PDB file of all heavy atoms in Angstrom:
ATOM      1  N   ALA A   1      26.685  26.075  -3.160  1.00  0.00           N
ATOM      2  CA  ALA A   1      26.943  25.760  -1.810  1.00  0.00           C
ATOM      3  C   ALA A   1      27.545  24.393  -1.758  1.00  0.00           C
ATOM      4  O   ALA A   1      28.566  24.019  -1.039  1.00  0.00           O
ATOM      5  CB  ALA A   1      25.627  25.813  -1.041  1.00  0.00           C
ATOM      6  N   LEU A   2      26.875  23.449  -2.655  1.00  0.00           N
ATOM      7  CA  LEU A   2      27.679  22.088  -2.635  1.00  0.00           C
ATOM      8  C   LEU A   2      28.956  21.953  -3.250  1.00  0.00           C
ATOM      9  O   LEU A   2      29.739  21.229  -2.793  1.00  0.00           O
ATOM     10  CB  LEU A   2      26.691  21.211  -3.532  1.00  0.00           C
ATOM     11  CG  LEU A   2      25.260  20.997  -2.977  1.00  0.00           C
ATOM     12  CD1 LEU A   2      24.414  20.127  -3.943  1.00  0.00           C
ATOM     13  CD2 LEU A   2      25.346  20.123  -1.689  1.00  0.00           C
ATOM     14  N   MET A   3      29.320  22.932  -4.162  1.00  0.00           N
ATOM     15  CA  MET A   3      30.584  22.868  -4.825  1.00  0.00           C
ATOM     16  C   MET A   3      31.668  23.623  -4.037  1.00  0.00           C
ATOM     17  O   MET A   3      32.836  23.452  -4.067  1.00  0.00           O
ATOM     18  CB  MET A   3      30.527  23.509  -6.161  1.00  0.00           C
ATOM     19  CG  MET A   3      29.664  22.698  -7.105  1.00  0.00           C
ATOM     20  SD  MET A   3      29.478  23.483  -8.780  1.00  0.00           S
ATOM     21  CE  MET A   3      31.146  23.531  -9.344  1.00  0.00           C
ATOM     22  N   SER A   4      31.149  24.530  -3.113  1.00  0.00           N
ATOM     23  CA  SER A   4      32.001  25.298  -2.340  1.00  0.00           C
ATOM     24  C   SER A   4      33.001  24.541  -1.350  1.00  0.00           C
ATOM     25  O   SER A   4      32.339  23.830  -0.440  1.00  0.00           O
ATOM     26  CB  SER A   4      31.384  26.479  -1.574  1.00  0.00           C
ATOM     27  OG  SER A   4      32.234  27.200  -0.733  1.00  0.00           O
ATOM     28  N   PRO A   5      34.254  24.552  -1.336  1.00  0.00           N
ATOM     29  CA  PRO A   5      35.127  23.930  -0.398  1.00  0.00           C
ATOM     30  C   PRO A   5      35.000  24.497   1.077  1.00  0.00           C
ATOM     31  O   PRO A   5      35.269  23.682   2.007  1.00  0.00           O
ATOM     32  CB  PRO A   5      36.563  24.168  -0.873  1.00  0.00           C
ATOM     33  CG  PRO A   5      36.456  25.326  -1.820  1.00  0.00           C
ATOM     34  CD  PRO A   5      35.155  25.236  -2.416  1.00  0.00           C
ATOM     35  N   ALA A   6      34.497  25.663   1.167  1.00  0.00           N
ATOM     36  CA  ALA A   6      34.409  26.307   2.474  1.00  0.00           C
ATOM     37  C   ALA A   6      33.179  25.520   3.301  1.00  0.00           C
ATOM     38  O   ALA A   6      33.202  25.535   4.461  1.00  0.00           O
ATOM     39  CB  ALA A   6      34.003  27.673   2.375  1.00  0.00           C
ATOM     40  N   CYS A   7      32.362  24.860   2.546  1.00  0.00           N
ATOM     41  CA  CYS A   7      31.225  24.242   3.321  1.00  0.00           C
ATOM     42  C   CYS A   7      31.595  22.725   3.503  1.00  0.00           C
ATOM     43  O   CYS A   7      30.783  22.008   4.055  1.00  0.00           O
ATOM     44  CB  CYS A   7      29.873  24.221   2.332  1.00  0.00           C
ATOM     45  SG  CYS A   7      29.239  25.973   2.201  1.00  0.00           S
ATOM     46  N   MET A   8      32.637  22.210   2.924  1.00  0.00           N
ATOM     47  CA  MET A   8      33.024  20.857   3.130  1.00  0.00           C
ATOM     48  C   MET A   8      34.155  20.773   4.223  1.00  0.00           C
ATOM     49  O   MET A   8      35.091  21.603   4.137  1.00  0.00           O
ATOM     50  CB  MET A   8      33.545  20.245   1.858  1.00  0.00           C
ATOM     51  CG  MET A   8      32.496  20.282   0.736  1.00  0.00           C
ATOM     52  SD  MET A   8      31.205  19.273   0.988  1.00  0.00           S
ATOM     53  CE  MET A   8      31.834  17.646   0.833  1.00  0.00           C
ATOM     54  N   ASP A   9      34.051  19.840   5.098  1.00  0.00           N
ATOM     55  CA  ASP A   9      34.990  19.689   6.144  1.00  0.00           C
ATOM     56  C   ASP A   9      35.428  20.967   6.901  1.00  0.00           C
ATOM     57  O   ASP A   9      36.566  21.368   7.133  1.00  0.00           O
ATOM     58  CB  ASP A   9      36.332  19.164   5.494  1.00  0.00           C
ATOM     59  CG  ASP A   9      36.224  17.820   4.915  1.00  0.00           C
ATOM     60  OD1 ASP A   9      35.461  16.915   5.367  1.00  0.00           O
ATOM     61  OD2 ASP A   9      36.741  17.603   3.746  1.00  0.00           O
ATOM     62  N   ASP A  10      34.256  21.561   7.235  1.00  0.00           N
ATOM     63  CA  ASP A  10      34.373  23.022   7.843  1.00  0.00           C
ATOM     64  C   ASP A  10      34.437  22.941   9.316  1.00  0.00           C
ATOM     65  O   ASP A  10      34.465  23.900  10.031  1.00  0.00           O
ATOM     66  CB  ASP A  10      33.079  23.818   7.430  1.00  0.00           C
ATOM     67  CG  ASP A  10      33.445  25.324   7.587  1.00  0.00           C
ATOM     68  OD1 ASP A  10      34.706  25.660   7.466  1.00  0.00           O
ATOM     69  OD2 ASP A  10      32.468  25.983   7.837  1.00  0.00           O
ATOM     70  N   TYR A  11      34.467  21.725   9.842  1.00  0.00           N
ATOM     71  CA  TYR A  11      34.518  21.463  11.293  1.00  0.00           C
ATOM     72  C   TYR A  11      35.714  20.797  11.780  1.00  0.00           C
ATOM     73  O   TYR A  11      36.182  19.974  11.100  1.00  0.00           O
ATOM     74  CB  TYR A  11      33.199  20.755  11.933  1.00  0.00           C
ATOM     75  CG  TYR A  11      31.930  21.502  11.551  1.00  0.00           C
ATOM     76  CD1 TYR A  11      31.245  20.996  10.284  1.00  0.00           C
ATOM     77  CD2 TYR A  11      31.318  22.583  12.251  1.00  0.00           C
ATOM     78  CE1 TYR A  11      30.019  21.710   9.862  1.00  0.00           C
ATOM     79  CE2 TYR A  11      30.262  23.097  11.898  1.00  0.00           C
ATOM     80  CZ  TYR A  11      29.558  22.795  10.718  1.00  0.00           C
ATOM     81  OH  TYR A  11      28.459  23.399  10.420  1.00  0.00           O
ATOM     82  N   ASP A  12      36.137  21.036  12.977  1.00  0.00           N
ATOM     83  CA  ASP A  12      37.369  20.400  13.568  1.00  0.00           C
ATOM     84  C   ASP A  12      36.971  18.985  13.949  1.00  0.00           C
ATOM     85  O   ASP A  12      35.775  18.662  14.163  1.00  0.00           O
ATOM     86  CB  ASP A  12      37.779  21.169  14.808  1.00  0.00           C
ATOM     87  CG  ASP A  12      38.368  22.460  14.442  1.00  0.00           C
ATOM     88  OD1 ASP A  12      38.872  22.751  13.306  1.00  0.00           O
ATOM     89  OD2 ASP A  12      38.355  23.414  15.387  1.00  0.00           O
ATOM     90  N   GLU A  13      37.937  18.122  13.926  1.00  0.00           N
ATOM     91  CA  GLU A  13      37.675  16.740  14.466  1.00  0.00           C
ATOM     92  C   GLU A  13      37.325  16.709  15.971  1.00  0.00           C
ATOM     93  O   GLU A  13      37.866  17.522  16.666  1.00  0.00           O
ATOM     94  CB  GLU A  13      38.993  15.988  14.310  1.00  0.00           C
ATOM     95  CG  GLU A  13      39.421  15.565  12.866  1.00  0.00           C
ATOM     96  CD  GLU A  13      38.367  14.670  12.223  1.00  0.00           C
ATOM     97  OE1 GLU A  13      37.932  13.741  12.909  1.00  0.00           O
ATOM     98  OE2 GLU A  13      38.136  14.777  11.057  1.00  0.00           O
ATOM     99  N   PRO A  14      36.309  15.959  16.273  1.00  0.00           N
ATOM    100  CA  PRO A  14      35.709  15.960  17.645  1.00  0.00           C
ATOM    101  C   PRO A  14      36.919  15.495  18.694  1.00  0.00           C
ATOM    102  O   PRO A  14      37.672  14.559  18.284  1.00  0.00           O
ATOM    103  CB  PRO A  14      34.549  14.959  17.688  1.00  0.00           C
ATOM    104  CG  PRO A  14      34.876  14.119  16.439  1.00  0.00           C
ATOM    105  CD  PRO A  14      35.498  15.021  15.387  1.00  0.00           C
ATOM    106  N   ASP A  15      36.959  16.180  19.680  1.00  0.00           N
ATOM    107  CA  ASP A  15      37.923  15.907  20.792  1.00  0.00           C
ATOM    108  C   ASP A  15      37.347  14.832  21.644  1.00  0.00           C
ATOM    109  O   ASP A  15      36.411  14.843  22.342  1.00  0.00           O
ATOM    110  CB  ASP A  15      38.222  17.044  21.630  1.00  0.00           C
ATOM    111  CG  ASP A  15      39.293  16.780  22.673  1.00  0.00           C
ATOM    112  OD1 ASP A  15      39.873  15.627  22.690  1.00  0.00           O
ATOM    113  OD2 ASP A  15      39.690  17.638  23.473  1.00  0.00           O
ATOM    114  N   THR A  16      37.899  13.543  21.424  1.00  0.00           N
ATOM    115  CA  THR A  16      37.532  12.356  22.238  1.00  0.00           C
ATOM    116  C   THR A  16      38.378  11.985  23.319  1.00  0.00           C
ATOM    117  O   THR A  16      38.260  10.874  23.919  1.00  0.00           O
ATOM    118  CB  THR A  16      37.213  11.177  21.165  1.00  0.00           C
ATOM    119  OG1 THR A  16      38.525  10.878  20.721  1.00  0.00           O
ATOM    120  CG2 THR A  16      36.281  11.386  20.150  1.00  0.00           C
ATOM    121  N   SER A  17      39.355  12.742  23.607  1.00  0.00           N
ATOM    122  CA  SER A  17      40.306  12.420  24.601  1.00  0.00           C
ATOM    123  C   SER A  17      39.667  12.233  25.914  1.00  0.00           C
ATOM    124  O   SER A  17      40.309  11.408  26.757  1.00  0.00           O
ATOM    125  CB  SER A  17      41.435  13.463  24.717  1.00  0.00           C
ATOM    126  OG  SER A  17      40.907  14.777  25.054  1.00  0.00           O
ATOM    127  N   ASN A  18      38.677  12.819  26.425  1.00  0.00           N
ATOM    128  CA  ASN A  18      38.089  12.662  27.611  1.00  0.00           C
ATOM    129  C   ASN A  18      37.360  11.382  27.750  1.00  0.00           C
ATOM    130  O   ASN A  18      36.995  11.034  28.837  1.00  0.00           O
ATOM    131  CB  ASN A  18      37.005  13.837  27.899  1.00  0.00           C
ATOM    132  CG  ASN A  18      37.729  15.264  28.135  1.00  0.00           C
ATOM    133  OD1 ASN A  18      38.850  15.168  28.596  1.00  0.00           O
ATOM    134  ND2 ASN A  18      36.992  16.201  27.823  1.00  0.00           N
ATOM    135  N   PHE A  19      37.124  10.723  26.680  1.00  0.00           N
ATOM    136  CA  PHE A  19      36.436   9.362  26.648  1.00  0.00           C
ATOM    137  C   PHE A  19      37.518   8.158  26.813  1.00  0.00           C
ATOM    138  O   PHE A  19      37.118   6.989  26.882  1.00  0.00           O
ATOM    139  CB  PHE A  19      35.547   9.227  25.367  1.00  0.00           C
ATOM    140  CG  PHE A  19      34.433  10.116  25.450  1.00  0.00           C
ATOM    141  CD1 PHE A  19      34.585  11.264  24.615  1.00  0.00           C
ATOM    142  CD2 PHE A  19      33.456  10.057  26.080  1.00  0.00           C
ATOM    143  CE1 PHE A  19      33.560  12.258  24.424  1.00  0.00           C
ATOM    144  CE2 PHE A  19      32.256  10.960  26.036  1.00  0.00           C
ATOM    145  CZ  PHE A  19      32.445  12.026  25.122  1.00  0.00           C
ATOM    146  N   LEU A  20      38.770   8.528  26.827  1.00  0.00           N
ATOM    147  CA  LEU A  20      39.778   7.576  26.772  1.00  0.00           C
ATOM    148  C   LEU A  20      40.358   7.426  28.082  1.00  0.00           C
ATOM    149  O   LEU A  20      40.923   8.361  28.666  1.00  0.00           O
ATOM    150  CB  LEU A  20      40.890   7.868  25.672  1.00  0.00           C
ATOM    151  CG  LEU A  20      40.446   8.016  24.278  1.00  0.00           C
ATOM    152  CD1 LEU A  20      41.546   8.571  23.413  1.00  0.00           C
ATOM    153  CD2 LEU A  20      39.880   6.792  23.783  1.00  0.00           C
ATOM    154  N   ILE A  21      40.222   6.386  28.815  1.00  0.00           N
ATOM    155  CA  ILE A  21      40.699   6.352  30.197  1.00  0.00           C
ATOM    156  C   ILE A  21      42.128   5.640  30.350  1.00  0.00           C
ATOM    157  O   ILE A  21      42.658   5.666  31.458  1.00  0.00           O
ATOM    158  CB  ILE A  21      39.684   5.733  31.195  1.00  0.00           C
ATOM    159  CG1 ILE A  21      39.580   4.042  30.770  1.00  0.00           C
ATOM    160  CG2 ILE A  21      38.287   6.226  30.968  1.00  0.00           C
ATOM    161  CD1 ILE A  21      38.997   3.404  31.977  1.00  0.00           C
ATOM    162  N   THR A  22      42.595   5.025  29.309  1.00  0.00           N
ATOM    163  CA  THR A  22      43.904   4.393  29.424  1.00  0.00           C
ATOM    164  C   THR A  22      44.955   5.331  28.713  1.00  0.00           C
ATOM    165  O   THR A  22      44.591   6.173  27.911  1.00  0.00           O
ATOM    166  CB  THR A  22      43.851   3.020  28.837  1.00  0.00           C
ATOM    167  OG1 THR A  22      43.339   3.031  27.522  1.00  0.00           O
ATOM    168  CG2 THR A  22      43.017   2.159  29.679  1.00  0.00           C
ATOM    169  N   SER A  23      46.223   4.911  29.007  1.00  0.00           N
ATOM    170  CA  SER A  23      47.336   5.651  28.415  1.00  0.00           C
ATOM    171  C   SER A  23      47.335   5.498  26.880  1.00  0.00           C
ATOM    172  O   SER A  23      47.175   4.549  26.326  1.00  0.00           O
ATOM    173  CB  SER A  23      48.711   5.277  28.922  1.00  0.00           C
ATOM    174  OG  SER A  23      49.770   6.044  28.380  1.00  0.00           O
ATOM    175  N   GLN A  24      47.408   6.677  26.176  1.00  0.00           N
ATOM    176  CA  GLN A  24      47.589   6.686  24.567  1.00  0.00           C
ATOM    177  C   GLN A  24      49.071   6.610  24.249  1.00  0.00           C
ATOM    178  O   GLN A  24      49.354   6.512  23.025  1.00  0.00           O
ATOM    179  CB  GLN A  24      46.893   7.818  24.139  1.00  0.00           C
ATOM    180  CG  GLN A  24      45.434   7.899  24.439  1.00  0.00           C
ATOM    181  CD  GLN A  24      44.680   6.550  24.073  1.00  0.00           C
ATOM    182  OE1 GLN A  24      44.557   6.228  22.871  1.00  0.00           O
ATOM    183  NE2 GLN A  24      44.187   5.887  25.024  1.00  0.00           N
ATOM    184  N   GLU A  25      49.978   6.453  25.229  1.00  0.00           N
ATOM    185  CA  GLU A  25      51.333   6.426  25.026  1.00  0.00           C
ATOM    186  C   GLU A  25      51.853   5.131  25.719  1.00  0.00           C
ATOM    187  O   GLU A  25      51.203   4.695  26.668  1.00  0.00           O
ATOM    188  CB  GLU A  25      52.141   7.501  25.374  1.00  0.00           C
ATOM    189  CG  GLU A  25      51.742   8.898  24.672  1.00  0.00           C
ATOM    190  CD  GLU A  25      52.557  10.066  25.194  1.00  0.00           C
ATOM    191  OE1 GLU A  25      53.253   9.928  26.244  1.00  0.00           O
ATOM    192  OE2 GLU A  25      52.348  11.200  24.775  1.00  0.00           O
ATOM    193  N   SER A  26      53.001   4.635  25.239  1.00  0.00           N
ATOM    194  CA  SER A  26      53.452   3.372  25.984  1.00  0.00           C
ATOM    195  C   SER A  26      53.850   3.647  27.416  1.00  0.00           C
ATOM    196  O   SER A  26      54.370   4.859  27.741  1.00  0.00           O
ATOM    197  CB  SER A  26      54.800   3.053  25.256  1.00  0.00           C
ATOM    198  OG  SER A  26      55.445   1.864  26.019  1.00  0.00           O
ATOM    199  N   VAL A  27      53.459   2.792  28.362  1.00  0.00           N
ATOM    200  CA  VAL A  27      53.785   2.949  29.707  1.00  0.00           C
ATOM    201  C   VAL A  27      55.109   2.481  30.120  1.00  0.00           C
ATOM    202  O   VAL A  27      55.524   2.482  31.183  1.00  0.00           O
ATOM    203  CB  VAL A  27      52.719   2.418  30.676  1.00  0.00           C
ATOM    204  CG1 VAL A  27      51.327   2.975  30.444  1.00  0.00           C
ATOM    205  CG2 VAL A  27      52.599   0.838  30.468  1.00  0.00           C
ATOM    206  N   GLY A  28      55.859   1.909  28.981  1.00  0.00           N
ATOM    207  CA  GLY A  28      57.158   1.416  29.231  1.00  0.00           C
ATOM    208  C   GLY A  28      57.350  -0.016  28.760  1.00  0.00           C
ATOM    209  O   GLY A  28      56.276  -0.738  28.428  1.00  0.00           O
ATOM    210  N   GLU A  29      58.491  -0.569  28.750  1.00  0.00           N
ATOM    211  CA  GLU A  29      58.715  -1.900  28.343  1.00  0.00           C
ATOM    212  C   GLU A  29      58.475  -2.792  29.505  1.00  0.00           C
ATOM    213  O   GLU A  29      58.930  -2.605  30.757  1.00  0.00           O
ATOM    214  CB  GLU A  29      60.190  -2.080  27.822  1.00  0.00           C
ATOM    215  CG  GLU A  29      60.440  -1.262  26.497  1.00  0.00           C
ATOM    216  CD  GLU A  29      59.468  -1.706  25.407  1.00  0.00           C
ATOM    217  OE1 GLU A  29      59.287  -2.957  25.364  1.00  0.00           O
ATOM    218  OE2 GLU A  29      59.036  -0.802  24.708  1.00  0.00           O
ATOM    219  N   THR A  30      57.917  -3.992  29.305  1.00  0.00           N
ATOM    220  CA  THR A  30      57.711  -4.918  30.316  1.00  0.00           C
ATOM    221  C   THR A  30      58.905  -5.471  30.889  1.00  0.00           C
ATOM    222  O   THR A  30      59.856  -5.781  30.212  1.00  0.00           O
ATOM    223  CB  THR A  30      56.911  -6.139  29.666  1.00  0.00           C
ATOM    224  OG1 THR A  30      55.653  -5.715  29.025  1.00  0.00           O
ATOM    225  CG2 THR A  30      56.697  -7.244  30.730  1.00  0.00           C
ATOM    226  N   ASN A  31      59.039  -5.516  32.304  1.00  0.00           N
ATOM    227  CA  ASN A  31      60.381  -5.738  32.953  1.00  0.00           C
ATOM    228  C   ASN A  31      60.198  -6.860  33.931  1.00  0.00           C
ATOM    229  O   ASN A  31      60.976  -7.152  34.791  1.00  0.00           O
ATOM    230  CB  ASN A  31      61.042  -4.583  33.449  1.00  0.00           C
ATOM    231  CG  ASN A  31      60.211  -3.815  34.304  1.00  0.00           C
ATOM    232  OD1 ASN A  31      59.230  -4.230  35.038  1.00  0.00           O
ATOM    233  ND2 ASN A  31      60.599  -2.473  34.606  1.00  0.00           N
ATOM    234  N   THR A  32      58.808  -7.365  34.178  1.00  0.00           N
ATOM    235  CA  THR A  32      58.573  -8.456  35.063  1.00  0.00           C
ATOM    236  C   THR A  32      57.374  -9.243  34.654  1.00  0.00           C
ATOM    237  O   THR A  32      56.670  -8.834  33.733  1.00  0.00           O
ATOM    238  CB  THR A  32      58.464  -7.737  36.569  1.00  0.00           C
ATOM    239  OG1 THR A  32      58.450  -9.017  37.560  1.00  0.00           O
ATOM    240  CG2 THR A  32      57.138  -7.087  36.657  1.00  0.00           C
ATOM    241  N   THR A  33      56.927 -10.062  35.510  1.00  0.00           N
ATOM    242  CA  THR A  33      55.826 -11.005  35.243  1.00  0.00           C
ATOM    243  C   THR A  33      54.898 -10.892  36.531  1.00  0.00           C
ATOM    244  O   THR A  33      55.473 -10.517  37.555  1.00  0.00           O
ATOM    245  CB  THR A  33      56.188 -12.491  35.037  1.00  0.00           C
ATOM    246  OG1 THR A  33      56.813 -12.960  36.082  1.00  0.00           O
ATOM    247  CG2 THR A  33      57.050 -12.536  33.730  1.00  0.00           C
ATOM    248  N   ILE A  34      53.677 -11.416  36.492  1.00  0.00           N
ATOM    249  CA  ILE A  34      52.900 -11.557  37.659  1.00  0.00           C
ATOM    250  C   ILE A  34      53.610 -12.523  38.714  1.00  0.00           C
ATOM    251  O   ILE A  34      53.537 -12.218  39.847  1.00  0.00           O
ATOM    252  CB  ILE A  34      51.485 -12.028  37.337  1.00  0.00           C
ATOM    253  CG1 ILE A  34      50.812 -11.096  36.369  1.00  0.00           C
ATOM    254  CG2 ILE A  34      50.662 -12.120  38.627  1.00  0.00           C
ATOM    255  CD1 ILE A  34      49.339 -11.407  35.958  1.00  0.00           C
ATOM    256  N   TYR A  35      54.248 -13.505  38.195  1.00  0.00           N
ATOM    257  CA  TYR A  35      54.924 -14.350  39.037  1.00  0.00           C
ATOM    258  C   TYR A  35      56.053 -13.769  39.686  1.00  0.00           C
ATOM    259  O   TYR A  35      56.368 -13.786  40.911  1.00  0.00           O
ATOM    260  CB  TYR A  35      55.416 -15.693  38.170  1.00  0.00           C
ATOM    261  CG  TYR A  35      56.310 -16.678  38.955  1.00  0.00           C
ATOM    262  CD1 TYR A  35      55.694 -17.349  40.099  1.00  0.00           C
ATOM    263  CD2 TYR A  35      57.584 -16.757  38.700  1.00  0.00           C
ATOM    264  CE1 TYR A  35      56.491 -18.390  40.792  1.00  0.00           C
ATOM    265  CE2 TYR A  35      58.406 -17.730  39.419  1.00  0.00           C
ATOM    266  CZ  TYR A  35      57.738 -18.534  40.329  1.00  0.00           C
ATOM    267  OH  TYR A  35      58.470 -19.346  41.115  1.00  0.00           O
ATOM    268  N   GLY A  36      56.704 -12.903  38.924  1.00  0.00           N
ATOM    269  CA  GLY A  36      57.897 -12.071  39.414  1.00  0.00           C
ATOM    270  C   GLY A  36      57.343 -11.186  40.568  1.00  0.00           C
ATOM    271  O   GLY A  36      58.063 -10.911  41.614  1.00  0.00           O
ATOM    272  N   LEU A  37      56.322 -10.563  40.320  1.00  0.00           N
ATOM    273  CA  LEU A  37      55.731  -9.634  41.400  1.00  0.00           C
ATOM    274  C   LEU A  37      55.377 -10.387  42.634  1.00  0.00           C
ATOM    275  O   LEU A  37      55.761  -9.712  43.668  1.00  0.00           O
ATOM    276  CB  LEU A  37      54.337  -9.031  40.776  1.00  0.00           C
ATOM    277  CG  LEU A  37      54.580  -7.875  39.836  1.00  0.00           C
ATOM    278  CD1 LEU A  37      53.006  -7.523  39.347  1.00  0.00           C
ATOM    279  CD2 LEU A  37      55.117  -6.608  40.442  1.00  0.00           C
ATOM    280  N   LYS A  38      54.804 -11.425  42.502  1.00  0.00           N
ATOM    281  CA  LYS A  38      54.457 -12.238  43.702  1.00  0.00           C
ATOM    282  C   LYS A  38      55.718 -12.605  44.485  1.00  0.00           C
ATOM    283  O   LYS A  38      55.763 -12.680  45.740  1.00  0.00           O
ATOM    284  CB  LYS A  38      53.569 -13.456  43.411  1.00  0.00           C
ATOM    285  CG  LYS A  38      52.135 -13.066  42.975  1.00  0.00           C
ATOM    286  CD  LYS A  38      51.278 -14.244  42.662  1.00  0.00           C
ATOM    287  CE  LYS A  38      49.890 -13.743  42.271  1.00  0.00           C
ATOM    288  NZ  LYS A  38      48.968 -14.933  42.053  1.00  0.00           N
ATOM    289  N   ASN A  39      56.756 -13.017  43.750  1.00  0.00           N
ATOM    290  CA  ASN A  39      58.083 -13.369  44.424  1.00  0.00           C
ATOM    291  C   ASN A  39      58.677 -12.129  45.078  1.00  0.00           C
ATOM    292  O   ASN A  39      59.072 -12.231  46.291  1.00  0.00           O
ATOM    293  CB  ASN A  39      59.053 -13.907  43.459  1.00  0.00           C
ATOM    294  CG  ASN A  39      58.816 -15.410  43.007  1.00  0.00           C
ATOM    295  OD1 ASN A  39      58.106 -16.185  43.767  1.00  0.00           O
ATOM    296  ND2 ASN A  39      59.242 -15.674  41.793  1.00  0.00           N
ATOM    297  N   LYS A  40      58.691 -11.046  44.375  1.00  0.00           N
ATOM    298  CA  LYS A  40      59.469  -9.878  44.867  1.00  0.00           C
ATOM    299  C   LYS A  40      58.729  -9.306  46.007  1.00  0.00           C
ATOM    300  O   LYS A  40      59.382  -8.742  47.082  1.00  0.00           O
ATOM    301  CB  LYS A  40      59.628  -8.752  43.836  1.00  0.00           C
ATOM    302  CG  LYS A  40      60.259  -7.498  44.245  1.00  0.00           C
ATOM    303  CD  LYS A  40      60.528  -6.553  43.098  1.00  0.00           C
ATOM    304  CE  LYS A  40      61.352  -5.362  43.601  1.00  0.00           C
ATOM    305  NZ  LYS A  40      61.654  -4.448  42.366  1.00  0.00           N
ATOM    306  N   TYR A  41      57.415  -9.233  46.183  1.00  0.00           N
ATOM    307  CA  TYR A  41      56.585  -8.613  47.164  1.00  0.00           C
ATOM    308  C   TYR A  41      55.823  -9.662  48.018  1.00  0.00           C
ATOM    309  O   TYR A  41      54.804  -9.378  48.511  1.00  0.00           O
ATOM    310  CB  TYR A  41      55.567  -7.636  46.574  1.00  0.00           C
ATOM    311  CG  TYR A  41      56.343  -6.567  45.794  1.00  0.00           C
ATOM    312  CD1 TYR A  41      56.407  -6.576  44.385  1.00  0.00           C
ATOM    313  CD2 TYR A  41      56.791  -5.423  46.590  1.00  0.00           C
ATOM    314  CE1 TYR A  41      57.075  -5.486  43.776  1.00  0.00           C
ATOM    315  CE2 TYR A  41      57.475  -4.409  45.851  1.00  0.00           C
ATOM    316  CZ  TYR A  41      57.607  -4.430  44.369  1.00  0.00           C
ATOM    317  OH  TYR A  41      58.231  -3.498  43.858  1.00  0.00           O
TER     318      TYR A  41
END
C-alpha cells in the first residue's frame, strides 16, 4: 500500500477560489492617481 502510486497524490488539489475575494488577474494598467481622481470628479 505504501509503495503503490495509486495511494499517493490520489486527491485533487482543494478548490480555494471561493475564499479569494480579489481579482486573480490584472484589473488593468494604472492610468490615474488619487489626486487625479479628485481633480477629475
